[in-house]
Amino acid sequence: MSLIEDLNWRHAVKAYDPAKKVSEGDLDKILEAARLAPTSSGLQPFRVIVVENQELKEKMVKGALNPEVMRDCSHVLVFAAWDSYSNEKIDKVYDHHTDVRELPRGRFSSYTDQIKQIYGAQTPEQHFVHTARQTYIALGLAMAQAAELKIDSTPAEGFSNEVVDEILDLNYLGLKSVTLLYLGYRDTENDWLSKMKKVRIPMEEFIIRK
């Protein structure tokens, strides 16, 4: 199937079959799609936490708008962004870049000095706004890869960030949760949305040409 066909197939599933689990092989493909997402300056300022443990999911449902979806899905992917930029974080990423490319460390210092100056003039709050935005690109690619594999997904912002951050010790890692992605297989009897036509704004209204 083409990407367009895959995207037409997928929808935000409202009920999952708890007996059906995503295989490790397919999960790895979805995670790899997220890892390969483009990010500003190539910094990849976020991480993806994979939650399969049912006890953890039960704890995370506090404050979730769709607790049954979180409980019954196969895996919860937590997209968590850096809480701030720092010179050390930037240097670590670019040292990795030069090491992998077999270049001398500091090869990109003229550029990294520039972005350090930009971020150095901003607050941690401004940093998090920027890092959080990066997660949505990875989220979209993960959803597209899941659709190609015919794995259902539901993106979610309706949850308690404080609860998730505390349960997963994200503050200790210098991260803050941004979005969740529920993965699994739809319960066709109870997923009411699966029985309805997909609806989007018409192309002629959605696209504005100048």
Protein backbone atom coordinates (compact mmCIF):
# COMPACT_ATOMS: atom_id res chain seq x y z
CA MET A 1 0.00 0.00 0.00
CA SER A 2 1.06 3.59 -0.56
CA LEU A 3 1.60 6.05 2.27
CA ILE A 4 -1.65 7.82 1.37
CA GLU A 5 -3.55 4.53 1.56
CA ASP A 6 -1.93 3.77 4.92
CA LEU A 7 -2.94 7.18 6.28
CA ASN A 8 -6.49 6.71 5.05
CA TRP A 9 -6.57 3.34 6.82
CA ARG A 10 -5.43 4.65 10.21
CA HIS A 11 -7.53 6.49 12.76
CA ALA A 12 -7.21 7.38 16.43
CA VAL A 13 -8.38 4.08 17.90
CA LYS A 14 -10.81 4.44 20.81
CA ALA A 15 -10.71 0.85 22.10
CA TYR A 16 -7.85 -1.68 22.02
CA ASP A 17 -7.85 -5.45 22.31
CA PRO A 18 -5.71 -6.10 25.42
CA ALA A 19 -5.01 -9.68 24.27
CA LYS A 20 -3.16 -8.57 21.14
CA LYS A 21 0.43 -7.37 21.50
CA VAL A 22 2.75 -5.63 19.05
CA SER A 23 5.78 -7.81 18.24
CA GLU A 24 9.26 -6.66 19.19
CA GLY A 25 10.24 -6.61 15.53
CA ASP A 26 7.41 -4.30 14.55
CA LEU A 27 7.93 -2.13 17.62
CA ASP A 28 11.59 -1.71 16.67
CA LYS A 29 10.57 -0.46 13.21
CA ILE A 30 8.24 2.14 14.73
CA LEU A 31 10.93 3.30 17.15
CA GLU A 32 13.48 3.47 14.34
CA ALA A 33 11.14 5.72 12.34
CA ALA A 34 10.97 8.05 15.34
CA ARG A 35 14.76 7.94 15.80
CA LEU A 36 15.33 8.89 12.16
CA ALA A 37 13.09 11.98 12.39
CA PRO A 38 14.73 15.29 11.46
CA THR A 39 15.37 17.69 14.33
CA SER A 40 16.62 21.25 14.68
CA SER A 41 20.42 21.33 14.32
CA GLY A 42 20.35 17.53 14.45
CA LEU A 43 20.33 17.64 18.24
CA GLN A 44 17.53 15.08 18.78
CA PRO A 45 16.53 16.91 22.00
CA PHE A 46 14.07 14.27 23.17
CA ARG A 47 13.81 10.61 24.04
CA VAL A 48 11.12 7.96 23.60
CA ILE A 49 10.23 5.89 26.65
CA VAL A 50 8.56 2.55 25.89
CA VAL A 51 6.06 1.42 28.52
CA GLU A 52 4.77 -2.14 28.25
CA ASN A 53 4.60 -3.01 31.95
CA GLN A 54 0.93 -3.19 32.93
CA GLU A 55 1.53 -1.98 36.47
CA LEU A 56 3.19 1.17 35.18
CA LYS A 57 0.33 1.76 32.74
CA GLU A 58 -2.17 1.40 35.58
CA LYS A 59 -0.31 4.06 37.54
CA MET A 60 -0.09 6.39 34.56
CA VAL A 61 -3.84 6.39 33.89
CA LYS A 62 -4.42 8.89 36.71
CA GLY A 63 -5.33 12.10 34.91
CA ALA A 64 -5.66 10.46 31.48
CA LEU A 65 -8.69 11.44 29.43
CA ASN A 66 -8.95 7.94 27.95
CA PRO A 67 -7.72 5.66 30.75
CA GLU A 68 -9.14 2.49 29.19
CA VAL A 69 -7.14 3.13 26.01
CA MET A 70 -3.93 3.45 28.01
CA ARG A 71 -4.72 0.30 29.99
CA ASP A 72 -5.65 -1.90 27.04
CA CYS A 73 -3.13 -0.87 24.40
CA SER A 74 -0.05 -3.00 23.81
CA HIS A 75 2.56 -0.27 24.38
CA VAL A 76 2.63 3.36 25.43
CA LEU A 77 5.33 5.48 23.80
CA VAL A 78 6.17 8.57 25.83
CA PHE A 79 7.79 11.35 23.82
CA ALA A 80 9.76 13.37 26.36
CA ALA A 81 11.81 16.46 25.53
CA TRP A 82 14.91 17.94 27.12
CA ASP A 83 13.90 20.37 29.83
CA SER A 84 16.62 22.77 28.62
CA TYR A 85 19.59 23.15 26.30
CA SER A 86 23.14 23.31 27.66
CA ASN A 87 26.61 23.60 26.19
CA GLU A 88 27.40 20.13 27.54
CA LYS A 89 24.41 18.54 25.80
CA ILE A 90 25.24 20.23 22.50
CA ASP A 91 28.89 19.19 22.71
CA LYS A 92 27.97 15.60 23.51
CA VAL A 93 25.73 15.37 20.42
CA TYR A 94 28.29 16.93 18.10
CA ASP A 95 31.14 14.84 19.51
CA HIS A 96 29.03 11.84 18.53
CA HIS A 97 28.49 13.30 15.05
CA THR A 98 32.21 13.79 14.46
CA ASP A 99 33.15 10.41 15.95
CA VAL A 100 30.69 8.53 13.71
CA ARG A 101 31.87 10.49 10.64
CA GLU A 102 35.53 9.98 11.62
CA LEU A 103 36.14 13.71 11.83
CA PRO A 104 38.14 15.59 14.46
CA ARG A 105 36.11 16.74 17.45
CA GLY A 106 35.35 20.44 17.20
CA ARG A 107 34.97 20.24 13.41
CA PHE A 108 31.60 22.02 13.69
CA SER A 109 32.55 24.41 16.51
CA SER A 110 31.78 27.54 14.48
CA TYR A 111 28.21 26.34 14.20
CA THR A 112 27.85 24.97 17.72
CA ASP A 113 29.26 28.21 19.16
CA GLN A 114 26.51 30.04 17.30
CA ILE A 115 23.64 27.90 18.61
CA LYS A 116 25.11 27.93 22.12
CA GLN A 117 24.95 31.71 21.99
CA ILE A 118 21.35 31.66 20.79
CA TYR A 119 20.17 29.23 23.46
CA GLY A 120 22.30 30.91 26.11
CA ALA A 121 20.22 34.05 25.70
CA GLN A 122 16.98 32.15 26.28
CA THR A 123 15.25 30.83 29.39
CA PRO A 124 14.78 27.12 30.18
CA GLU A 125 11.06 27.66 29.52
CA GLN A 126 11.86 28.87 26.01
CA HIS A 127 14.16 25.91 25.53
CA PHE A 128 11.41 23.44 26.42
CA VAL A 129 8.94 25.07 24.02
CA HIS A 130 11.50 24.45 21.27
CA THR A 131 12.50 20.92 22.26
CA ALA A 132 8.87 19.88 22.72
CA ARG A 133 8.04 20.91 19.16
CA GLN A 134 10.69 18.53 17.85
CA THR A 135 8.83 15.55 19.31
CA TYR A 136 5.84 16.03 17.03
CA ILE A 137 7.88 15.31 13.92
CA ALA A 138 8.99 11.98 15.39
CA LEU A 139 5.45 11.28 16.58
CA GLY A 140 4.11 11.70 13.05
CA LEU A 141 6.70 9.40 11.53
CA ALA A 142 6.07 6.76 14.19
CA MET A 143 2.35 6.87 13.42
CA ALA A 144 3.02 6.56 9.68
CA GLN A 145 5.29 3.55 10.22
CA ALA A 146 2.71 1.95 12.48
CA ALA A 147 0.05 2.44 9.80
CA GLU A 148 2.26 0.80 7.18
CA LEU A 149 2.56 -2.21 9.49
CA LYS A 150 -1.22 -2.18 10.10
CA ILE A 151 -0.65 -1.44 13.76
CA ASP A 152 -3.20 0.88 15.32
CA SER A 153 -2.18 4.03 17.14
CA THR A 154 -3.68 6.88 19.14
CA PRO A 155 -1.72 10.10 19.76
CA ALA A 156 -2.58 11.71 23.09
CA GLU A 157 -1.97 14.99 24.86
CA GLY A 158 -4.82 14.31 27.29
CA PHE A 159 -2.86 13.02 30.26
CA SER A 160 -1.23 14.31 33.42
CA ASN A 161 2.34 15.28 32.58
CA GLU A 162 3.13 15.51 36.29
CA VAL A 163 1.96 11.94 36.92
CA VAL A 164 3.84 10.49 33.95
CA ASP A 165 7.02 12.43 34.72
CA GLU A 166 7.02 11.29 38.33
CA ILE A 167 6.27 7.63 37.63
CA LEU A 168 8.96 7.39 34.95
CA ASP A 169 11.52 9.52 36.85
CA LEU A 170 11.82 11.84 33.87
CA ASN A 171 12.99 14.80 35.93
CA TYR A 172 16.02 12.76 36.95
CA LEU A 173 16.81 12.33 33.24
CA GLY A 174 16.37 16.03 32.47
CA LEU A 175 13.21 15.29 30.46
CA LYS A 176 9.57 16.35 30.47
CA SER A 177 6.75 14.39 28.82
CA VAL A 178 5.11 16.03 25.81
CA THR A 179 2.92 13.49 24.04
CA LEU A 180 1.94 9.84 24.24
CA LEU A 181 1.37 7.34 21.47
CA TYR A 182 -0.74 4.29 22.23
CA LEU A 183 0.03 1.27 20.04
CA GLY A 184 -1.84 -1.99 19.58
CA TYR A 185 -4.73 -3.55 17.72
CA ARG A 186 -8.27 -2.22 17.67
CA ASP A 187 -11.16 -3.89 19.44
CA THR A 188 -13.52 -3.78 16.47
CA GLU A 189 -16.61 -4.33 18.61
CA ASN A 190 -15.95 -1.38 20.92
CA ASP A 191 -13.94 0.99 18.76
CA TRP A 192 -16.84 3.17 17.67
CA LEU A 193 -14.73 5.34 15.40
CA SER A 194 -13.66 2.40 13.22
CA LYS A 195 -17.24 2.11 11.94
CA MET A 196 -17.33 5.69 10.68
CA LYS A 197 -16.03 7.32 7.54
CA LYS A 198 -12.75 9.20 7.78
CA VAL A 199 -13.42 12.94 7.69
CA ARG A 200 -11.01 15.73 6.79
CA ILE A 201 -11.45 19.27 5.48
CA PRO A 202 -11.73 19.20 1.66
CA MET A 203 -8.44 19.74 -0.20
CA GLU A 204 -9.67 22.91 -1.87
CA GLU A 205 -10.32 24.44 1.55
CA PHE A 206 -7.31 22.95 3.32
CA ILE A 207 -4.72 24.14 0.80
CA ILE A 208 -4.29 27.86 0.23
CA ARG A 209 -2.29 28.69 -2.88
CA LYS A 210 -0.71 32.10 -3.43
